[in-house]
Every structure is written in structure tokens, then in C-alpha cells.
PDB file of N, CA and C in Angstrom:
ATOM      1  N   UNK A   1       0.836  -1.180   0.000  1.00  0.00           N
ATOM      2  CA  UNK A   1       0.000   0.000   0.000  1.00  0.00           C
ATOM      3  C   UNK A   1       0.886   1.250   0.000  1.00  0.00           C
ATOM      4  N   UNK A   2       0.537   2.192  -0.813  1.00  0.00           N
ATOM      5  CA  UNK A   2       1.275   3.443  -0.887  1.00  0.00           C
ATOM      6  C   UNK A   2       0.705   4.406   0.132  1.00  0.00           C
ATOM      7  N   UNK A   3       1.571   4.992   0.921  1.00  0.00           N
ATOM      8  CA  UNK A   3       1.107   5.998   1.874  1.00  0.00           C
ATOM      9  C   UNK A   3       1.570   7.362   1.401  1.00  0.00           C
ATOM     10  N   UNK A   4       0.750   8.353   1.703  1.00  0.00           N
ATOM     11  CA  UNK A   4       1.058   9.726   1.320  1.00  0.00           C
ATOM     12  C   UNK A   4       1.270  10.506   2.600  1.00  0.00           C
ATOM     13  N   UNK A   5       2.274  11.340   2.623  1.00  0.00           N
ATOM     14  CA  UNK A   5       2.537  12.180   3.787  1.00  0.00           C
ATOM     15  C   UNK A   5       1.450  13.252   3.862  1.00  0.00           C
ATOM     16  N   UNK A   6       0.310  12.884   4.435  1.00  0.00           N
ATOM     17  CA  UNK A   6      -0.853  13.774   4.467  1.00  0.00           C
ATOM     18  C   UNK A   6      -0.576  15.156   5.035  1.00  0.00           C
ATOM     19  N   UNK A   7       0.178  15.279   6.135  1.00  0.00           N
ATOM     20  CA  UNK A   7       0.426  16.623   6.663  1.00  0.00           C
ATOM     21  C   UNK A   7       1.163  17.544   5.689  1.00  0.00           C
ATOM     22  N   UNK A   8       1.836  16.972   4.708  1.00  0.00           N
ATOM     23  CA  UNK A   8       2.564  17.783   3.738  1.00  0.00           C
ATOM     24  C   UNK A   8       1.646  18.390   2.681  1.00  0.00           C
ATOM     25  N   UNK A   9       0.386  17.963   2.663  1.00  0.00           N
ATOM     26  CA  UNK A   9      -0.555  18.415   1.643  1.00  0.00           C
ATOM     27  C   UNK A   9      -1.889  18.845   2.263  1.00  0.00           C
ATOM     28  N   UNK A  10      -1.881  19.768   3.216  1.00  0.00           N
ATOM     29  CA  UNK A  10      -3.128  20.110   3.918  1.00  0.00           C
ATOM     30  C   UNK A  10      -4.193  20.738   3.021  1.00  0.00           C
ATOM     31  N   UNK A  11      -3.799  21.542   2.067  1.00  0.00           N
ATOM     32  CA  UNK A  11      -4.811  22.196   1.221  1.00  0.00           C
ATOM     33  C   UNK A  11      -5.437  21.202   0.247  1.00  0.00           C
ATOM     34  N   UNK A  12      -4.655  20.271  -0.276  1.00  0.00           N
ATOM     35  CA  UNK A  12      -5.238  19.240  -1.131  1.00  0.00           C
ATOM     36  C   UNK A  12      -6.183  18.348  -0.330  1.00  0.00           C
ATOM     37  N   UNK A  13      -5.826  18.032   0.912  1.00  0.00           N
ATOM     38  CA  UNK A  13      -6.730  17.239   1.762  1.00  0.00           C
ATOM     39  C   UNK A  13      -8.041  17.988   1.958  1.00  0.00           C
ATOM     40  N   UNK A  14      -7.974  19.297   2.157  1.00  0.00           N
ATOM     41  CA  UNK A  14      -9.184  20.105   2.317  1.00  0.00           C
ATOM     42  C   UNK A  14     -10.002  20.095   1.026  1.00  0.00           C
ATOM     43  N   UNK A  15      -9.352  20.329  -0.089  1.00  0.00           N
ATOM     44  CA  UNK A  15     -10.048  20.348  -1.378  1.00  0.00           C
ATOM     45  C   UNK A  15     -10.730  19.007  -1.634  1.00  0.00           C
ATOM     46  N   UNK A  16      -9.995  17.914  -1.480  1.00  0.00           N
ATOM     47  CA  UNK A  16     -10.569  16.601  -1.761  1.00  0.00           C
ATOM     48  C   UNK A  16     -11.634  16.225  -0.740  1.00  0.00           C
ATOM     49  N   UNK A  17     -11.354  16.459   0.525  1.00  0.00           N
ATOM     50  CA  UNK A  17     -12.299  16.067   1.562  1.00  0.00           C
ATOM     51  C   UNK A  17     -13.608  16.837   1.529  1.00  0.00           C
ATOM     52  N   UNK A  18     -13.545  18.096   1.125  1.00  0.00           N
ATOM     53  CA  UNK A  18     -14.746  18.929   1.121  1.00  0.00           C
ATOM     54  C   UNK A  18     -15.433  19.008  -0.238  1.00  0.00           C
ATOM     55  N   UNK A  19     -14.685  18.869  -1.314  1.00  0.00           N
ATOM     56  CA  UNK A  19     -15.260  19.114  -2.643  1.00  0.00           C
ATOM     57  C   UNK A  19     -15.239  17.907  -3.576  1.00  0.00           C
ATOM     58  N   UNK A  20     -14.275  17.028  -3.436  1.00  0.00           N
ATOM     59  CA  UNK A  20     -14.200  15.856  -4.312  1.00  0.00           C
ATOM     60  C   UNK A  20     -14.294  14.572  -3.481  1.00  0.00           C
ATOM     61  N   UNK A  21     -15.217  14.591  -2.535  1.00  0.00           N
ATOM     62  CA  UNK A  21     -15.444  13.447  -1.663  1.00  0.00           C
ATOM     63  C   UNK A  21     -16.483  12.516  -2.280  1.00  0.00           C
ATOM     64  N   UNK A  22     -16.929  11.535  -1.536  1.00  0.00           N
ATOM     65  CA  UNK A  22     -17.863  10.530  -2.058  1.00  0.00           C
ATOM     66  C   UNK A  22     -19.187  11.141  -2.513  1.00  0.00           C
ATOM     67  N   UNK A  23     -19.578  12.265  -1.940  1.00  0.00           N
ATOM     68  CA  UNK A  23     -20.857  12.884  -2.285  1.00  0.00           C
ATOM     69  C   UNK A  23     -20.735  13.991  -3.334  1.00  0.00           C
ATOM     70  N   UNK A  24     -19.549  14.181  -3.903  1.00  0.00           N
ATOM     71  CA  UNK A  24     -19.388  15.329  -4.792  1.00  0.00           C
ATOM     72  C   UNK A  24     -20.339  15.277  -5.983  1.00  0.00           C
ATOM     73  N   UNK A  25     -20.575  14.098  -6.548  1.00  0.00           N
ATOM     74  CA  UNK A  25     -21.455  14.006  -7.724  1.00  0.00           C
ATOM     75  C   UNK A  25     -22.882  14.413  -7.364  1.00  0.00           C
ATOM     76  N   UNK A  26     -23.358  13.969  -6.211  1.00  0.00           N
ATOM     77  CA  UNK A  26     -24.708  14.324  -5.789  1.00  0.00           C
ATOM     78  C   UNK A  26     -24.801  15.802  -5.425  1.00  0.00           C
ATOM     79  N   UNK A  27     -23.754  16.333  -4.832  1.00  0.00           N
ATOM     80  CA  UNK A  27     -23.775  17.730  -4.384  1.00  0.00           C
ATOM     81  C   UNK A  27     -23.478  18.709  -5.507  1.00  0.00           C
ATOM     82  N   UNK A  28     -22.503  18.394  -6.348  1.00  0.00           N
ATOM     83  CA  UNK A  28     -22.060  19.349  -7.368  1.00  0.00           C
ATOM     84  C   UNK A  28     -22.347  18.907  -8.804  1.00  0.00           C
ATOM     85  N   UNK A  29     -22.572  17.623  -9.012  1.00  0.00           N
ATOM     86  CA  UNK A  29     -22.861  17.116 -10.343  1.00  0.00           C
ATOM     87  C   UNK A  29     -21.634  16.724 -11.141  1.00  0.00           C
ATOM     88  N   UNK A  30     -20.640  17.579 -11.162  1.00  0.00           N
ATOM     89  CA  UNK A  30     -19.426  17.301 -11.937  1.00  0.00           C
ATOM     90  C   UNK A  30     -18.194  17.764 -11.163  1.00  0.00           C
ATOM     91  N   UNK A  31     -17.056  17.266 -11.598  1.00  0.00           N
ATOM     92  CA  UNK A  31     -15.787  17.722 -11.028  1.00  0.00           C
ATOM     93  C   UNK A  31     -15.643  19.225 -11.265  1.00  0.00           C
ATOM     94  N   UNK A  32     -15.981  19.680 -12.453  1.00  0.00           N
ATOM     95  CA  UNK A  32     -15.849  21.109 -12.778  1.00  0.00           C
ATOM     96  C   UNK A  32     -16.683  21.962 -11.831  1.00  0.00           C
ATOM     97  N   UNK A  33     -17.903  21.542 -11.525  1.00  0.00           N
ATOM     98  CA  UNK A  33     -18.747  22.307 -10.597  1.00  0.00           C
ATOM     99  C   UNK A  33     -18.181  22.285  -9.181  1.00  0.00           C
ATOM    100  N   UNK A  34     -17.638  21.140  -8.771  1.00  0.00           N
ATOM    101  CA  UNK A  34     -17.024  21.054  -7.444  1.00  0.00           C
ATOM    102  C   UNK A  34     -15.826  21.990  -7.346  1.00  0.00           C
ATOM    103  N   UNK A  35     -15.010  22.020  -8.399  1.00  0.00           N
ATOM    104  CA  UNK A  35     -13.846  22.906  -8.390  1.00  0.00           C
ATOM    105  C   UNK A  35     -14.261  24.372  -8.459  1.00  0.00           C
ATOM    106  N   UNK A  36     -15.344  24.673  -9.147  1.00  0.00           N
ATOM    107  CA  UNK A  36     -15.855  26.048  -9.178  1.00  0.00           C
ATOM    108  C   UNK A  36     -16.309  26.464  -7.789  1.00  0.00           C
ATOM    109  N   UNK A  37     -16.943  25.558  -7.055  1.00  0.00           N
ATOM    110  CA  UNK A  37     -17.359  25.864  -5.678  1.00  0.00           C
ATOM    111  C   UNK A  37     -16.141  26.118  -4.799  1.00  0.00           C
ATOM    112  N   UNK A  38     -15.102  25.314  -4.960  1.00  0.00           N
ATOM    113  CA  UNK A  38     -13.866  25.517  -4.206  1.00  0.00           C
ATOM    114  C   UNK A  38     -13.300  26.901  -4.499  1.00  0.00           C
ATOM    115  N   UNK A  39     -13.259  27.265  -5.766  1.00  0.00           N
ATOM    116  CA  UNK A  39     -12.737  28.596  -6.143  1.00  0.00           C
ATOM    117  C   UNK A  39     -13.566  29.706  -5.506  1.00  0.00           C
ATOM    118  N   UNK A  40     -14.868  29.554  -5.504  1.00  0.00           N
ATOM    119  CA  UNK A  40     -15.764  30.576  -4.961  1.00  0.00           C
ATOM    120  C   UNK A  40     -15.625  30.702  -3.449  1.00  0.00           C
ATOM    121  N   UNK A  41     -15.422  29.572  -2.791  1.00  0.00           N
ATOM    122  CA  UNK A  41     -15.455  29.539  -1.323  1.00  0.00           C
ATOM    123  C   UNK A  41     -14.093  29.663  -0.658  1.00  0.00           C
ATOM    124  N   UNK A  42     -13.032  29.775  -1.444  1.00  0.00           N
ATOM    125  CA  UNK A  42     -11.702  29.925  -0.855  1.00  0.00           C
ATOM    126  C   UNK A  42     -11.025  31.174  -1.410  1.00  0.00           C
ATOM    127  N   UNK A  43     -10.048  31.614  -0.698  1.00  0.00           N
ATOM    128  CA  UNK A  43      -9.305  32.792  -1.130  1.00  0.00           C
ATOM    129  C   UNK A  43      -8.112  32.419  -1.992  1.00  0.00           C
ATOM    130  N   UNK A  44      -7.471  33.436  -2.562  1.00  0.00           N
ATOM    131  CA  UNK A  44      -6.327  33.174  -3.441  1.00  0.00           C
ATOM    132  C   UNK A  44      -5.172  32.472  -2.732  1.00  0.00           C
ATOM    133  N   UNK A  45      -4.996  32.707  -1.457  1.00  0.00           N
ATOM    134  CA  UNK A  45      -3.921  32.040  -0.721  1.00  0.00           C
ATOM    135  C   UNK A  45      -4.129  30.534  -0.644  1.00  0.00           C
ATOM    136  N   UNK A  46      -5.371  30.123  -0.421  1.00  0.00           N
ATOM    137  CA  UNK A  46      -5.686  28.692  -0.382  1.00  0.00           C
ATOM    138  C   UNK A  46      -5.476  28.059  -1.753  1.00  0.00           C
ATOM    139  N   UNK A  47      -5.927  28.760  -2.787  1.00  0.00           N
ATOM    140  CA  UNK A  47      -5.773  28.217  -4.139  1.00  0.00           C
ATOM    141  C   UNK A  47      -4.294  28.119  -4.522  1.00  0.00           C
ATOM    142  N   UNK A  48      -3.510  29.107  -4.167  1.00  0.00           N
ATOM    143  CA  UNK A  48      -2.073  29.070  -4.459  1.00  0.00           C
ATOM    144  C   UNK A  48      -1.401  27.920  -3.703  1.00  0.00           C
ATOM    145  N   UNK A  49      -1.818  27.714  -2.467  1.00  0.00           N
ATOM    146  CA  UNK A  49      -1.252  26.614  -1.682  1.00  0.00           C
ATOM    147  C   UNK A  49      -1.621  25.274  -2.298  1.00  0.00           C
ATOM    148  N   UNK A  50      -2.869  25.127  -2.728  1.00  0.00           N
ATOM    149  CA  UNK A  50      -3.299  23.879  -3.368  1.00  0.00           C
ATOM    150  C   UNK A  50      -2.514  23.642  -4.653  1.00  0.00           C
ATOM    151  N   UNK A  51      -2.299  24.690  -5.415  1.00  0.00           N
ATOM    152  CA  UNK A  51      -1.545  24.579  -6.679  1.00  0.00           C
ATOM    153  C   UNK A  51      -0.114  24.155  -6.392  1.00  0.00           C
ATOM    154  N   UNK A  52       0.513  24.766  -5.391  1.00  0.00           N
ATOM    155  CA  UNK A  52       1.892  24.412  -5.038  1.00  0.00           C
ATOM    156  C   UNK A  52       1.974  22.963  -4.560  1.00  0.00           C
ATOM    157  N   UNK A  53       1.006  22.543  -3.759  1.00  0.00           N
ATOM    158  CA  UNK A  53       0.990  21.163  -3.274  1.00  0.00           C
ATOM    159  C   UNK A  53       0.793  20.191  -4.433  1.00  0.00           C
ATOM    160  N   UNK A  54      -0.103  20.507  -5.359  1.00  0.00           N
ATOM    161  CA  UNK A  54      -0.333  19.642  -6.511  1.00  0.00           C
ATOM    162  C   UNK A  54       0.924  19.544  -7.369  1.00  0.00           C
ATOM    163  N   UNK A  55       1.592  20.661  -7.557  1.00  0.00           N
ATOM    164  CA  UNK A  55       2.849  20.652  -8.322  1.00  0.00           C
ATOM    165  C   UNK A  55       3.893  19.769  -7.641  1.00  0.00           C
ATOM    166  N   UNK A  56       3.990  19.886  -6.331  1.00  0.00           N
ATOM    167  CA  UNK A  56       4.962  19.087  -5.582  1.00  0.00           C
ATOM    168  C   UNK A  56       4.606  17.604  -5.641  1.00  0.00           C
ATOM    169  N   UNK A  57       3.315  17.292  -5.507  1.00  0.00           N
ATOM    170  CA  UNK A  57       2.865  15.899  -5.547  1.00  0.00           C
ATOM    171  C   UNK A  57       3.141  15.269  -6.905  1.00  0.00           C
ATOM    172  N   UNK A  58       2.862  15.990  -7.968  1.00  0.00           N
ATOM    173  CA  UNK A  58       3.041  15.425  -9.307  1.00  0.00           C
ATOM    174  C   UNK A  58       4.511  15.389  -9.734  1.00  0.00           C
ATOM    175  N   UNK A  59       5.356  16.142  -9.062  1.00  0.00           N
ATOM    176  CA  UNK A  59       6.787  16.129  -9.371  1.00  0.00           C
ATOM    177  C   UNK A  59       7.559  15.121  -8.518  1.00  0.00           C
ATOM    178  N   UNK A  60       6.896  14.514  -7.550  1.00  0.00           N
ATOM    179  CA  UNK A  60       7.568  13.578  -6.649  1.00  0.00           C
ATOM    180  C   UNK A  60       8.043  12.344  -7.411  1.00  0.00           C
ATOM    181  N   UNK A  61       9.143  11.759  -6.978  1.00  0.00           N
ATOM    182  CA  UNK A  61       9.614  10.532  -7.618  1.00  0.00           C
ATOM    183  C   UNK A  61       8.514   9.460  -7.604  1.00  0.00           C
ATOM    184  N   UNK A  62       8.293   8.833  -8.745  1.00  0.00           N
ATOM    185  CA  UNK A  62       7.292   7.779  -8.848  1.00  0.00           C
ATOM    186  C   UNK A  62       5.888   8.263  -9.119  1.00  0.00           C
ATOM    187  N   UNK A  63       5.688   9.576  -9.199  1.00  0.00           N
ATOM    188  CA  UNK A  63       4.339  10.114  -9.387  1.00  0.00           C
ATOM    189  C   UNK A  63       3.692   9.624 -10.672  1.00  0.00           C
ATOM    190  N   UNK A  64       4.489   9.371 -11.675  1.00  0.00           N
ATOM    191  CA  UNK A  64       3.937   8.935 -12.960  1.00  0.00           C
ATOM    192  C   UNK A  64       3.060   7.702 -12.806  1.00  0.00           C
ATOM    193  N   UNK A  65       3.485   6.772 -11.977  1.00  0.00           N
ATOM    194  CA  UNK A  65       2.724   5.530 -11.854  1.00  0.00           C
ATOM    195  C   UNK A  65       1.832   5.469 -10.618  1.00  0.00           C
ATOM    196  N   UNK A  66       2.030   6.361  -9.650  1.00  0.00           N
ATOM    197  CA  UNK A  66       1.230   6.231  -8.437  1.00  0.00           C
ATOM    198  C   UNK A  66       0.338   7.430  -8.136  1.00  0.00           C
ATOM    199  N   UNK A  67       0.154   8.331  -9.077  1.00  0.00           N
ATOM    200  CA  UNK A  67      -0.628   9.530  -8.804  1.00  0.00           C
ATOM    201  C   UNK A  67      -2.047   9.203  -8.362  1.00  0.00           C
ATOM    202  N   UNK A  68      -2.706   8.250  -9.004  1.00  0.00           N
ATOM    203  CA  UNK A  68      -4.079   7.907  -8.619  1.00  0.00           C
ATOM    204  C   UNK A  68      -4.129   7.473  -7.157  1.00  0.00           C
ATOM    205  N   UNK A  69      -3.200   6.649  -6.742  1.00  0.00           N
ATOM    206  CA  UNK A  69      -3.164   6.193  -5.347  1.00  0.00           C
ATOM    207  C   UNK A  69      -2.869   7.347  -4.399  1.00  0.00           C
ATOM    208  N   UNK A  70      -1.996   8.248  -4.804  1.00  0.00           N
ATOM    209  CA  UNK A  70      -1.681   9.400  -3.964  1.00  0.00           C
ATOM    210  C   UNK A  70      -2.900  10.306  -3.800  1.00  0.00           C
ATOM    211  N   UNK A  71      -3.610  10.568  -4.891  1.00  0.00           N
ATOM    212  CA  UNK A  71      -4.808  11.408  -4.802  1.00  0.00           C
ATOM    213  C   UNK A  71      -5.846  10.760  -3.888  1.00  0.00           C
ATOM    214  N   UNK A  72      -6.037   9.461  -4.045  1.00  0.00           N
ATOM    215  CA  UNK A  72      -6.973   8.735  -3.190  1.00  0.00           C
ATOM    216  C   UNK A  72      -6.522   8.790  -1.733  1.00  0.00           C
ATOM    217  N   UNK A  73      -5.235   8.634  -1.511  1.00  0.00           N
ATOM    218  CA  UNK A  73      -4.686   8.697  -0.156  1.00  0.00           C
ATOM    219  C   UNK A  73      -4.889  10.042   0.510  1.00  0.00           C
ATOM    220  N   UNK A  74      -5.064  11.078  -0.286  1.00  0.00           N
ATOM    221  CA  UNK A  74      -5.308  12.417   0.251  1.00  0.00           C
ATOM    222  C   UNK A  74      -6.804  12.737   0.355  1.00  0.00           C
ATOM    223  N   UNK A  75      -7.660  11.758   0.048  1.00  0.00           N
ATOM    224  CA  UNK A  75      -9.093  11.952   0.232  1.00  0.00           C
ATOM    225  C   UNK A  75      -9.900  12.168  -1.024  1.00  0.00           C
ATOM    226  N   UNK A  76      -9.273  12.137  -2.184  1.00  0.00           N
ATOM    227  CA  UNK A  76     -10.005  12.300  -3.437  1.00  0.00           C
ATOM    228  C   UNK A  76     -10.806  11.031  -3.700  1.00  0.00           C
ATOM    229  N   UNK A  77     -12.106  11.185  -3.897  1.00  0.00           N
ATOM    230  CA  UNK A  77     -12.943  10.015  -4.136  1.00  0.00           C
ATOM    231  C   UNK A  77     -13.536   9.996  -5.535  1.00  0.00           C
ATOM    232  N   UNK A  78     -12.924  10.741  -6.453  1.00  0.00           N
ATOM    233  CA  UNK A  78     -13.290  10.655  -7.861  1.00  0.00           C
ATOM    234  C   UNK A  78     -12.763   9.312  -8.362  1.00  0.00           C
ATOM    235  N   UNK A  79     -13.602   8.557  -9.051  1.00  0.00           N
ATOM    236  CA  UNK A  79     -13.182   7.255  -9.567  1.00  0.00           C
ATOM    237  C   UNK A  79     -12.183   7.449 -10.707  1.00  0.00           C
ATOM    238  N   UNK A  80     -10.991   6.924 -10.519  1.00  0.00           N
ATOM    239  CA  UNK A  80      -9.916   7.041 -11.509  1.00  0.00           C
ATOM    240  C   UNK A  80      -9.560   5.644 -11.984  1.00  0.00           C
ATOM    241  N   UNK A  81      -9.836   5.350 -13.239  1.00  0.00           N
ATOM    242  CA  UNK A  81      -9.641   4.004 -13.773  1.00  0.00           C
ATOM    243  C   UNK A  81      -8.182   3.672 -14.067  1.00  0.00           C
ATOM    244  N   UNK A  82      -7.382   4.709 -14.309  1.00  0.00           N
ATOM    245  CA  UNK A  82      -5.994   4.434 -14.683  1.00  0.00           C
ATOM    246  C   UNK A  82      -5.149   5.685 -14.445  1.00  0.00           C
ATOM    247  N   UNK A  83      -3.865   5.543 -14.703  1.00  0.00           N
ATOM    248  CA  UNK A  83      -2.942   6.660 -14.478  1.00  0.00           C
ATOM    249  C   UNK A  83      -3.280   7.860 -15.354  1.00  0.00           C
ATOM    250  N   UNK A  84      -3.717   7.601 -16.567  1.00  0.00           N
ATOM    251  CA  UNK A  84      -4.078   8.702 -17.466  1.00  0.00           C
ATOM    252  C   UNK A  84      -5.206   9.548 -16.904  1.00  0.00           C
ATOM    253  N   UNK A  85      -6.206   8.902 -16.305  1.00  0.00           N
ATOM    254  CA  UNK A  85      -7.311   9.654 -15.703  1.00  0.00           C
ATOM    255  C   UNK A  85      -6.834  10.468 -14.504  1.00  0.00           C
ATOM    256  N   UNK A  86      -5.901   9.917 -13.739  1.00  0.00           N
ATOM    257  CA  UNK A  86      -5.354  10.657 -12.596  1.00  0.00           C
ATOM    258  C   UNK A  86      -4.630  11.912 -13.070  1.00  0.00           C
ATOM    259  N   UNK A  87      -3.835  11.771 -14.116  1.00  0.00           N
ATOM    260  CA  UNK A  87      -3.113  12.926 -14.650  1.00  0.00           C
ATOM    261  C   UNK A  87      -4.077  13.918 -15.282  1.00  0.00           C
ATOM    262  N   UNK A  88      -5.143  13.414 -15.901  1.00  0.00           N
ATOM    263  CA  UNK A  88      -6.174  14.295 -16.448  1.00  0.00           C
ATOM    264  C   UNK A  88      -6.867  15.086 -15.354  1.00  0.00           C
ATOM    265  N   UNK A  89      -7.162  14.425 -14.218  1.00  0.00           N
ATOM    266  CA  UNK A  89      -7.767  15.132 -13.092  1.00  0.00           C
ATOM    267  C   UNK A  89      -6.814  16.185 -12.550  1.00  0.00           C
ATOM    268  N   UNK A  90      -5.535  15.841 -12.434  1.00  0.00           N
ATOM    269  CA  UNK A  90      -4.552  16.822 -11.953  1.00  0.00           C
ATOM    270  C   UNK A  90      -4.515  18.037 -12.871  1.00  0.00           C
ATOM    271  N   UNK A  91      -4.582  17.822 -14.176  1.00  0.00           N
ATOM    272  CA  UNK A  91      -4.591  18.941 -15.132  1.00  0.00           C
ATOM    273  C   UNK A  91      -5.856  19.766 -14.990  1.00  0.00           C
ATOM    274  N   UNK A  92      -6.990  19.112 -14.775  1.00  0.00           N
ATOM    275  CA  UNK A  92      -8.263  19.818 -14.578  1.00  0.00           C
ATOM    276  C   UNK A  92      -8.205  20.669 -13.317  1.00  0.00           C
ATOM    277  N   UNK A  93      -7.651  20.122 -12.261  1.00  0.00           N
ATOM    278  CA  UNK A  93      -7.514  20.875 -11.006  1.00  0.00           C
ATOM    279  C   UNK A  93      -6.604  22.082 -11.217  1.00  0.00           C
ATOM    280  N   UNK A  94      -5.487  21.883 -11.893  1.00  0.00           N
ATOM    281  CA  UNK A  94      -4.577  23.007 -12.168  1.00  0.00           C
ATOM    282  C   UNK A  94      -5.290  24.130 -12.921  1.00  0.00           C
ATOM    283  N   UNK A  95      -6.016  23.767 -13.966  1.00  0.00           N
ATOM    284  CA  UNK A  95      -6.744  24.796 -14.745  1.00  0.00           C
ATOM    285  C   UNK A  95      -7.733  25.549 -13.857  1.00  0.00           C
ATOM    286  N   UNK A  96      -8.437  24.824 -13.006  1.00  0.00           N
ATOM    287  CA  UNK A  96      -9.411  25.482 -12.125  1.00  0.00           C
ATOM    288  C   UNK A  96      -8.726  26.399 -11.123  1.00  0.00           C
ATOM    289  N   UNK A  97      -7.577  25.981 -10.622  1.00  0.00           N
ATOM    290  CA  UNK A  97      -6.857  26.802  -9.643  1.00  0.00           C
ATOM    291  C   UNK A  97      -6.241  28.032 -10.295  1.00  0.00           C
ATOM    292  N   UNK A  98      -5.883  27.912 -11.566  1.00  0.00           N
ATOM    293  CA  UNK A  98      -5.240  29.015 -12.271  1.00  0.00           C
ATOM    294  C   UNK A  98      -6.244  30.008 -12.882  1.00  0.00           C
ATOM    295  N   UNK A  99      -7.496  29.610 -12.958  1.00  0.00           N
ATOM    296  CA  UNK A  99      -8.508  30.468 -13.608  1.00  0.00           C
ATOM    297  C   UNK A  99      -8.760  31.755 -12.832  1.00  0.00           C
TER     298      UNK A  99
END
């Protein structure tokens, strides 16, 4: 089992736990709507921190093959079928944080 240093990624844990949790589809309908709610309900400092954490997570050694597990380990409950979907979600999150 892959473990993620959760304390090193507090803003991603907040984003995933509050916006991309098991109920996100029922509450927001789509990942895009959940990320829009996050943008609306957080300040620029939180978004910058989440972006920095995501950059650090995706640049970590081994991230290419374990990103889906790392995202799940941080509380993301979006169903990711493969590594490509995990990287696609990371790109979607980046775009939302940068908007």
C-alpha cells in the first residue's frame, strides 16, 4: 500500500475532503462544478497553496505511476480508472486553480 505524507498536503486534503469526496457528484454534479465551488469559497492564498501542493505531488519521484493512489490517499474520491485519468484530473484541477 502506498502511503502519502498527508500533513505535507493540507490544502489538497481540504479540497478533496470537502469538494471531491464521495458525495461530490450528488452535491455538485461534476468535477468542474465542485472545483468552481472551491474557487468561490476559498481565497487566493488557499488556491495558491493547493496549486503548489499539486505541483509538488506530481513532481515527486514515482508520481507517474502512483498519482491515482496518492490522490486517493489524500481523500479524493473521484473514480480514476488508470494513471491517465489521474493525470487528467490533476490537469483539470490546475486549470481550475489558475482560472
